[in-house]
Amino acid sequence: MGKQSFKPGNMLYPLPVVMVSAADKAGNVNIVTVAWTGTVCSSPPMVSVSVRPERFSHHMIKETGEFVINLTTKELAFATDYCGVKSGRDIDKFKAMKLTPVPADIVAAPLIKESPVNIECRVTKTISLGSHDLFLAEVIAVHADEKYMDEKNSFDLMKAEPIVYSHGAYFTCGERLGTFGYSVRKQPKVKNGNGKEPDKKHGVNRDQKQESRRKRSRRRKK
């Protein structure tokens, strides 16, 4: 089978889908759903979101230079879609979706309490690209819901059932296939019942192979 050629377009899927909360200087708040988002730098930690200029949240981010990225989950899927198709000019999305605004530590925009992770961001640069303006931002605070902490006090996002966006549809994440670097990590040696390392070729330990050879040798002598 060959490959078909498509006209240039956005085929980078799946993508994280997040709810971005913002506020203007007058104190009005809004939520906009964004899939054009991602990590752009590790040190300093930086992210980006791309928003159409006509979206209600655009002027808020532009005005204050701040926003919050709120990660989404299976439980928040309906609200995530709703906040992406409804305009904050016409409705209070927090009230409509029964979401709880929580004051952030640094930025004016509120956190969404129901989100498992909230990332406070401050814009460092705005780039007008065409259909969207890209807001480059530095991460200045991160909040994680304690109910997703495991027994080692590590945050386990998979317990929250995060969702992704692909070709106009929302999906939960699948099974874990490995961890970073697993392709080059040395595998632990597996021992069989008698504590011996199995022979890589035949799946038996060396003592068993030697015993088999001795038995064959005794048979030939008989």
C-alpha atoms as a PDB file:
ATOM      1  CA  MET A   1       0.000   0.000   0.000  1.00  0.00           C
ATOM      2  CA  GLY A   2       1.246   3.483  -0.849  1.00  0.00           C
ATOM      3  CA  LYS A   3       0.683   6.813   0.845  1.00  0.00           C
ATOM      4  CA  GLN A   4      -1.814   9.463  -0.176  1.00  0.00           C
ATOM      5  CA  SER A   5      -0.780  13.100  -0.383  1.00  0.00           C
ATOM      6  CA  PHE A   6      -2.997  15.667   1.346  1.00  0.00           C
ATOM      7  CA  LYS A   7      -2.918  19.430   1.041  1.00  0.00           C
ATOM      8  CA  PRO A   8      -1.000  21.160   3.867  1.00  0.00           C
ATOM      9  CA  GLY A   9      -2.950  21.055   7.097  1.00  0.00           C
ATOM     10  CA  ASN A  10      -2.805  20.311  10.796  1.00  0.00           C
ATOM     11  CA  MET A  11      -2.386  16.559  11.121  1.00  0.00           C
ATOM     12  CA  LEU A  12      -0.478  16.591  14.400  1.00  0.00           C
ATOM     13  CA  TYR A  13      -2.782  14.442  16.506  1.00  0.00           C
ATOM     14  CA  PRO A  14      -3.651  13.556  19.210  1.00  0.00           C
ATOM     15  CA  LEU A  15      -3.211  16.737  21.242  1.00  0.00           C
ATOM     16  CA  PRO A  16      -3.761  17.721  24.847  1.00  0.00           C
ATOM     17  CA  VAL A  17      -7.030  19.596  25.248  1.00  0.00           C
ATOM     18  CA  VAL A  18      -7.114  22.114  28.079  1.00  0.00           C
ATOM     19  CA  MET A  19      -9.428  24.696  29.554  1.00  0.00           C
ATOM     20  CA  VAL A  20      -7.708  28.070  29.726  1.00  0.00           C
ATOM     21  CA  SER A  21      -9.086  30.464  32.330  1.00  0.00           C
ATOM     22  CA  ALA A  22      -8.482  34.187  31.985  1.00  0.00           C
ATOM     23  CA  ALA A  23      -9.538  37.473  33.541  1.00  0.00           C
ATOM     24  CA  ASP A  24      -9.539  41.081  32.405  1.00  0.00           C
ATOM     25  CA  LYS A  25      -8.542  44.114  34.480  1.00  0.00           C
ATOM     26  CA  ALA A  26     -12.171  44.736  35.400  1.00  0.00           C
ATOM     27  CA  GLY A  27     -12.377  41.327  37.061  1.00  0.00           C
ATOM     28  CA  ASN A  28     -14.461  39.548  34.415  1.00  0.00           C
ATOM     29  CA  VAL A  29     -13.458  35.905  33.962  1.00  0.00           C
ATOM     30  CA  ASN A  30     -13.875  33.338  31.223  1.00  0.00           C
ATOM     31  CA  ILE A  31     -12.880  29.851  30.127  1.00  0.00           C
ATOM     32  CA  VAL A  32     -11.832  28.906  26.606  1.00  0.00           C
ATOM     33  CA  THR A  33     -10.987  25.399  25.463  1.00  0.00           C
ATOM     34  CA  VAL A  34      -7.696  25.121  23.599  1.00  0.00           C
ATOM     35  CA  ALA A  35      -6.074  22.192  21.808  1.00  0.00           C
ATOM     36  CA  TRP A  36      -3.340  24.245  20.139  1.00  0.00           C
ATOM     37  CA  THR A  37      -1.165  24.142  23.268  1.00  0.00           C
ATOM     38  CA  GLY A  38       2.044  22.554  24.439  1.00  0.00           C
ATOM     39  CA  THR A  39       5.354  22.646  26.279  1.00  0.00           C
ATOM     40  CA  VAL A  40       8.006  24.733  24.537  1.00  0.00           C
ATOM     41  CA  CYS A  41      10.869  24.864  27.056  1.00  0.00           C
ATOM     42  CA  SER A  42      12.011  22.986  30.168  1.00  0.00           C
ATOM     43  CA  SER A  43      14.273  25.570  31.780  1.00  0.00           C
ATOM     44  CA  PRO A  44      12.729  27.999  32.361  1.00  0.00           C
ATOM     45  CA  PRO A  45       9.458  26.057  32.189  1.00  0.00           C
ATOM     46  CA  MET A  46       7.448  27.559  29.337  1.00  0.00           C
ATOM     47  CA  VAL A  47       4.254  26.724  27.474  1.00  0.00           C
ATOM     48  CA  SER A  48       2.243  28.140  24.619  1.00  0.00           C
ATOM     49  CA  VAL A  49      -1.420  28.522  23.752  1.00  0.00           C
ATOM     50  CA  SER A  50      -2.804  29.675  20.410  1.00  0.00           C
ATOM     51  CA  VAL A  51      -6.077  31.598  20.466  1.00  0.00           C
ATOM     52  CA  ARG A  52      -8.092  33.186  17.677  1.00  0.00           C
ATOM     53  CA  PRO A  53      -8.289  36.995  18.087  1.00  0.00           C
ATOM     54  CA  GLU A  54     -12.091  36.875  17.864  1.00  0.00           C
ATOM     55  CA  ARG A  55     -12.388  34.625  20.919  1.00  0.00           C
ATOM     56  CA  PHE A  56     -13.662  36.382  24.060  1.00  0.00           C
ATOM     57  CA  SER A  57     -10.680  35.254  26.138  1.00  0.00           C
ATOM     58  CA  HIS A  58      -8.176  36.689  23.666  1.00  0.00           C
ATOM     59  CA  HIS A  59      -8.498  40.288  24.838  1.00  0.00           C
ATOM     60  CA  MET A  60      -8.276  39.165  28.466  1.00  0.00           C
ATOM     61  CA  ILE A  61      -4.957  37.385  27.934  1.00  0.00           C
ATOM     62  CA  LYS A  62      -3.697  40.271  25.827  1.00  0.00           C
ATOM     63  CA  GLU A  63      -4.777  42.830  28.431  1.00  0.00           C
ATOM     64  CA  THR A  64      -3.353  41.184  31.548  1.00  0.00           C
ATOM     65  CA  GLY A  65      -0.615  38.974  30.068  1.00  0.00           C
ATOM     66  CA  GLU A  66      -1.768  36.102  32.281  1.00  0.00           C
ATOM     67  CA  PHE A  67      -3.794  32.906  32.088  1.00  0.00           C
ATOM     68  CA  VAL A  68      -4.173  29.497  33.711  1.00  0.00           C
ATOM     69  CA  ILE A  69      -3.986  26.166  31.906  1.00  0.00           C
ATOM     70  CA  ASN A  70      -6.378  23.669  33.517  1.00  0.00           C
ATOM     71  CA  LEU A  71      -5.905  20.024  32.522  1.00  0.00           C
ATOM     72  CA  THR A  72      -9.012  18.096  31.534  1.00  0.00           C
ATOM     73  CA  THR A  73     -10.360  14.657  32.385  1.00  0.00           C
ATOM     74  CA  LYS A  74     -13.012  12.175  31.334  1.00  0.00           C
ATOM     75  CA  GLU A  75     -15.316  13.655  33.979  1.00  0.00           C
ATOM     76  CA  LEU A  76     -14.718  17.144  32.565  1.00  0.00           C
ATOM     77  CA  ALA A  77     -15.167  16.144  28.902  1.00  0.00           C
ATOM     78  CA  PHE A  78     -18.647  17.682  28.554  1.00  0.00           C
ATOM     79  CA  ALA A  79     -17.565  20.951  30.152  1.00  0.00           C
ATOM     80  CA  THR A  80     -14.420  20.951  28.026  1.00  0.00           C
ATOM     81  CA  ASP A  81     -16.441  20.771  24.824  1.00  0.00           C
ATOM     82  CA  TYR A  82     -19.004  23.297  26.063  1.00  0.00           C
ATOM     83  CA  CYS A  83     -16.340  25.870  26.920  1.00  0.00           C
ATOM     84  CA  GLY A  84     -14.956  25.487  23.415  1.00  0.00           C
ATOM     85  CA  VAL A  85     -18.196  26.133  21.521  1.00  0.00           C
ATOM     86  CA  LYS A  86     -19.969  28.679  23.733  1.00  0.00           C
ATOM     87  CA  SER A  87     -18.843  32.308  24.004  1.00  0.00           C
ATOM     88  CA  GLY A  88     -18.166  34.078  27.279  1.00  0.00           C
ATOM     89  CA  ARG A  89     -19.822  37.134  25.764  1.00  0.00           C
ATOM     90  CA  ASP A  90     -23.172  35.397  26.138  1.00  0.00           C
ATOM     91  CA  ILE A  91     -22.844  33.178  29.195  1.00  0.00           C
ATOM     92  CA  ASP A  92     -20.934  32.628  32.430  1.00  0.00           C
ATOM     93  CA  LYS A  93     -19.290  29.283  31.722  1.00  0.00           C
ATOM     94  CA  PHE A  94     -18.329  28.697  35.355  1.00  0.00           C
ATOM     95  CA  LYS A  95     -21.992  28.866  36.384  1.00  0.00           C
ATOM     96  CA  ALA A  96     -23.304  27.035  33.333  1.00  0.00           C
ATOM     97  CA  MET A  97     -20.957  24.070  33.862  1.00  0.00           C
ATOM     98  CA  LYS A  98     -21.017  24.266  37.676  1.00  0.00           C
ATOM     99  CA  LEU A  99     -17.264  24.753  37.769  1.00  0.00           C
ATOM    100  CA  THR A 100     -15.634  26.330  40.797  1.00  0.00           C
ATOM    101  CA  PRO A 101     -13.320  29.332  40.348  1.00  0.00           C
ATOM    102  CA  VAL A 102     -10.473  29.340  42.886  1.00  0.00           C
ATOM    103  CA  PRO A 103      -8.093  32.282  43.384  1.00  0.00           C
ATOM    104  CA  ALA A 104      -4.636  31.621  41.972  1.00  0.00           C
ATOM    105  CA  ASP A 105      -1.465  32.270  43.944  1.00  0.00           C
ATOM    106  CA  ILE A 106      -0.018  34.827  41.545  1.00  0.00           C
ATOM    107  CA  VAL A 107      -2.106  35.588  38.460  1.00  0.00           C
ATOM    108  CA  ALA A 108      -5.506  37.297  38.396  1.00  0.00           C
ATOM    109  CA  ALA A 109      -7.133  34.503  36.391  1.00  0.00           C
ATOM    110  CA  PRO A 110      -8.857  31.850  38.549  1.00  0.00           C
ATOM    111  CA  LEU A 111      -8.025  28.172  38.775  1.00  0.00           C
ATOM    112  CA  ILE A 112     -10.712  25.599  37.980  1.00  0.00           C
ATOM    113  CA  LYS A 113     -11.054  23.565  41.171  1.00  0.00           C
ATOM    114  CA  GLU A 114     -12.359  20.459  39.381  1.00  0.00           C
ATOM    115  CA  SER A 115      -9.231  20.239  37.201  1.00  0.00           C
ATOM    116  CA  PRO A 116      -6.489  17.877  38.468  1.00  0.00           C
ATOM    117  CA  VAL A 117      -3.676  20.266  37.511  1.00  0.00           C
ATOM    118  CA  ASN A 118      -3.669  24.060  37.210  1.00  0.00           C
ATOM    119  CA  ILE A 119      -0.726  25.875  35.638  1.00  0.00           C
ATOM    120  CA  GLU A 120      -0.374  29.605  36.248  1.00  0.00           C
ATOM    121  CA  CYS A 121       1.245  31.340  33.278  1.00  0.00           C
ATOM    122  CA  ARG A 122       2.618  34.782  32.466  1.00  0.00           C
ATOM    123  CA  VAL A 123       2.934  35.813  28.813  1.00  0.00           C
ATOM    124  CA  THR A 124       6.439  36.671  27.646  1.00  0.00           C
ATOM    125  CA  LYS A 125       5.729  37.133  23.958  1.00  0.00           C
ATOM    126  CA  THR A 126       2.774  37.267  21.574  1.00  0.00           C
ATOM    127  CA  ILE A 127       3.182  36.201  17.957  1.00  0.00           C
ATOM    128  CA  SER A 128       0.480  36.891  15.376  1.00  0.00           C
ATOM    129  CA  LEU A 129       0.604  33.897  13.044  1.00  0.00           C
ATOM    130  CA  GLY A 130      -2.536  34.194  10.936  1.00  0.00           C
ATOM    131  CA  SER A 131      -5.744  32.594  12.133  1.00  0.00           C
ATOM    132  CA  HIS A 132      -4.317  32.439  15.666  1.00  0.00           C
ATOM    133  CA  ASP A 133      -2.151  34.490  17.995  1.00  0.00           C
ATOM    134  CA  LEU A 134       0.395  32.406  19.856  1.00  0.00           C
ATOM    135  CA  PHE A 135       0.999  33.355  23.474  1.00  0.00           C
ATOM    136  CA  LEU A 136       4.392  32.207  24.750  1.00  0.00           C
ATOM    137  CA  ALA A 137       4.328  32.088  28.520  1.00  0.00           C
ATOM    138  CA  GLU A 138       6.469  31.200  31.491  1.00  0.00           C
ATOM    139  CA  VAL A 139       5.041  28.830  34.096  1.00  0.00           C
ATOM    140  CA  ILE A 140       5.065  30.648  37.432  1.00  0.00           C
ATOM    141  CA  ALA A 141       3.066  28.242  39.630  1.00  0.00           C
ATOM    142  CA  VAL A 142       1.597  24.731  39.448  1.00  0.00           C
ATOM    143  CA  HIS A 143      -1.197  23.219  41.539  1.00  0.00           C
ATOM    144  CA  ALA A 144      -2.044  19.498  41.746  1.00  0.00           C
ATOM    145  CA  ASP A 145      -5.081  17.881  43.355  1.00  0.00           C
ATOM    146  CA  GLU A 146      -4.004  15.856  46.390  1.00  0.00           C
ATOM    147  CA  LYS A 147      -6.484  13.072  45.669  1.00  0.00           C
ATOM    148  CA  TYR A 148      -4.290  11.954  42.777  1.00  0.00           C
ATOM    149  CA  MET A 149      -1.175  11.497  44.906  1.00  0.00           C
ATOM    150  CA  ASP A 150      -0.032   7.871  45.200  1.00  0.00           C
ATOM    151  CA  GLU A 151       1.406   5.975  48.172  1.00  0.00           C
ATOM    152  CA  LYS A 152       4.876   7.392  47.381  1.00  0.00           C
ATOM    153  CA  ASN A 153       3.483  10.944  47.424  1.00  0.00           C
ATOM    154  CA  SER A 154       3.975  11.201  43.667  1.00  0.00           C
ATOM    155  CA  PHE A 155       1.314  12.699  41.447  1.00  0.00           C
ATOM    156  CA  ASP A 156      -0.463  10.103  39.289  1.00  0.00           C
ATOM    157  CA  LEU A 157      -2.329  11.922  36.517  1.00  0.00           C
ATOM    158  CA  MET A 158      -3.617   8.667  35.019  1.00  0.00           C
ATOM    159  CA  LYS A 159      -5.896   8.242  38.023  1.00  0.00           C
ATOM    160  CA  ALA A 160      -7.734  11.348  36.842  1.00  0.00           C
ATOM    161  CA  GLU A 161      -8.356   9.786  33.399  1.00  0.00           C
ATOM    162  CA  PRO A 162      -6.968  12.643  31.262  1.00  0.00           C
ATOM    163  CA  ILE A 163      -8.378  13.202  27.784  1.00  0.00           C
ATOM    164  CA  VAL A 164      -6.897  14.182  24.434  1.00  0.00           C
ATOM    165  CA  TYR A 165      -8.293  15.708  21.253  1.00  0.00           C
ATOM    166  CA  SER A 166      -7.962  14.152  17.801  1.00  0.00           C
ATOM    167  CA  HIS A 167      -9.676  15.105  14.530  1.00  0.00           C
ATOM    168  CA  GLY A 168     -12.630  16.754  16.237  1.00  0.00           C
ATOM    169  CA  ALA A 169     -13.153  14.057  18.869  1.00  0.00           C
ATOM    170  CA  TYR A 170     -12.201  13.518  22.513  1.00  0.00           C
ATOM    171  CA  PHE A 171     -10.504  10.345  23.731  1.00  0.00           C
ATOM    172  CA  THR A 172      -9.248   8.942  27.004  1.00  0.00           C
ATOM    173  CA  CYS A 173      -5.647   7.737  27.156  1.00  0.00           C
ATOM    174  CA  GLY A 174      -4.824   4.070  26.553  1.00  0.00           C
ATOM    175  CA  GLU A 175      -2.537   1.605  28.282  1.00  0.00           C
ATOM    176  CA  ARG A 176       1.001   2.501  29.271  1.00  0.00           C
ATOM    177  CA  LEU A 177       3.527   0.988  26.871  1.00  0.00           C
ATOM    178  CA  GLY A 178       6.710   1.968  28.664  1.00  0.00           C
ATOM    179  CA  THR A 179       8.495   4.760  30.474  1.00  0.00           C
ATOM    180  CA  PHE A 180      11.036   7.237  29.119  1.00  0.00           C
ATOM    181  CA  GLY A 181      14.245   5.422  28.207  1.00  0.00           C
ATOM    182  CA  TYR A 182      12.817   1.902  28.506  1.00  0.00           C
ATOM    183  CA  SER A 183      14.072   0.998  25.018  1.00  0.00           C
ATOM    184  CA  VAL A 184      17.717   1.222  26.148  1.00  0.00           C
ATOM    185  CA  ARG A 185      17.335   0.304  29.797  1.00  0.00           C
ATOM    186  CA  LYS A 186      18.930  -2.974  30.901  1.00  0.00           C
ATOM    187  CA  GLN A 187      16.302  -5.569  31.696  1.00  0.00           C
ATOM    188  CA  PRO A 188      16.477  -7.302  35.093  1.00  0.00           C
ATOM    189  CA  LYS A 189      17.778 -10.874  34.937  1.00  0.00           C
ATOM    190  CA  VAL A 190      15.022 -13.391  35.571  1.00  0.00           C
ATOM    191  CA  LYS A 191      15.890 -16.478  37.619  1.00  0.00           C
ATOM    192  CA  ASN A 192      14.093 -19.792  37.375  1.00  0.00           C
ATOM    193  CA  GLY A 193      12.882 -22.020  40.190  1.00  0.00           C
ATOM    194  CA  ASN A 194      16.318 -23.196  41.353  1.00  0.00           C
ATOM    195  CA  GLY A 195      17.746 -19.700  41.473  1.00  0.00           C
ATOM    196  CA  LYS A 196      19.807 -20.091  38.281  1.00  0.00           C
ATOM    197  CA  GLU A 197      19.813 -17.602  35.446  1.00  0.00           C
ATOM    198  CA  PRO A 198      18.106 -19.067  32.382  1.00  0.00           C
ATOM    199  CA  ASP A 199      20.137 -19.759  29.279  1.00  0.00           C
ATOM    200  CA  LYS A 200      19.294 -16.969  26.805  1.00  0.00           C
ATOM    201  CA  LYS A 201      19.056 -19.340  23.867  1.00  0.00           C
ATOM    202  CA  HIS A 202      17.225 -22.306  25.297  1.00  0.00           C
ATOM    203  CA  GLY A 203      15.551 -20.943  28.418  1.00  0.00           C
ATOM    204  CA  VAL A 204      17.353 -23.417  30.787  1.00  0.00           C
ATOM    205  CA  ASN A 205      20.244 -22.796  33.130  1.00  0.00           C
ATOM    206  CA  ARG A 206      23.799 -24.007  32.466  1.00  0.00           C
ATOM    207  CA  ASP A 207      23.684 -26.766  35.083  1.00  0.00           C
ATOM    208  CA  GLN A 208      20.623 -28.254  33.432  1.00  0.00           C
ATOM    209  CA  LYS A 209      22.381 -28.232  30.068  1.00  0.00           C
ATOM    210  CA  GLN A 210      25.428 -29.976  31.508  1.00  0.00           C
ATOM    211  CA  GLU A 211      23.267 -32.628  33.187  1.00  0.00           C
ATOM    212  CA  SER A 212      21.487 -33.287  29.899  1.00  0.00           C
ATOM    213  CA  ARG A 213      24.828 -33.771  28.166  1.00  0.00           C
ATOM    214  CA  ARG A 214      25.976 -36.244  30.846  1.00  0.00           C
ATOM    215  CA  LYS A 215      22.785 -38.252  30.440  1.00  0.00           C
ATOM    216  CA  ARG A 216      23.241 -38.426  26.683  1.00  0.00           C
ATOM    217  CA  SER A 217      26.839 -39.492  27.190  1.00  0.00           C
ATOM    218  CA  ARG A 218      25.808 -42.344  29.554  1.00  0.00           C
ATOM    219  CA  ARG A 219      23.231 -43.580  27.056  1.00  0.00           C
ATOM    220  CA  ARG A 220      25.838 -43.769  24.333  1.00  0.00           C
ATOM    221  CA  LYS A 221      28.203 -45.785  26.592  1.00  0.00           C
ATOM    222  CA  LYS A 222      25.471 -48.332  27.300  1.00  0.00           C
END
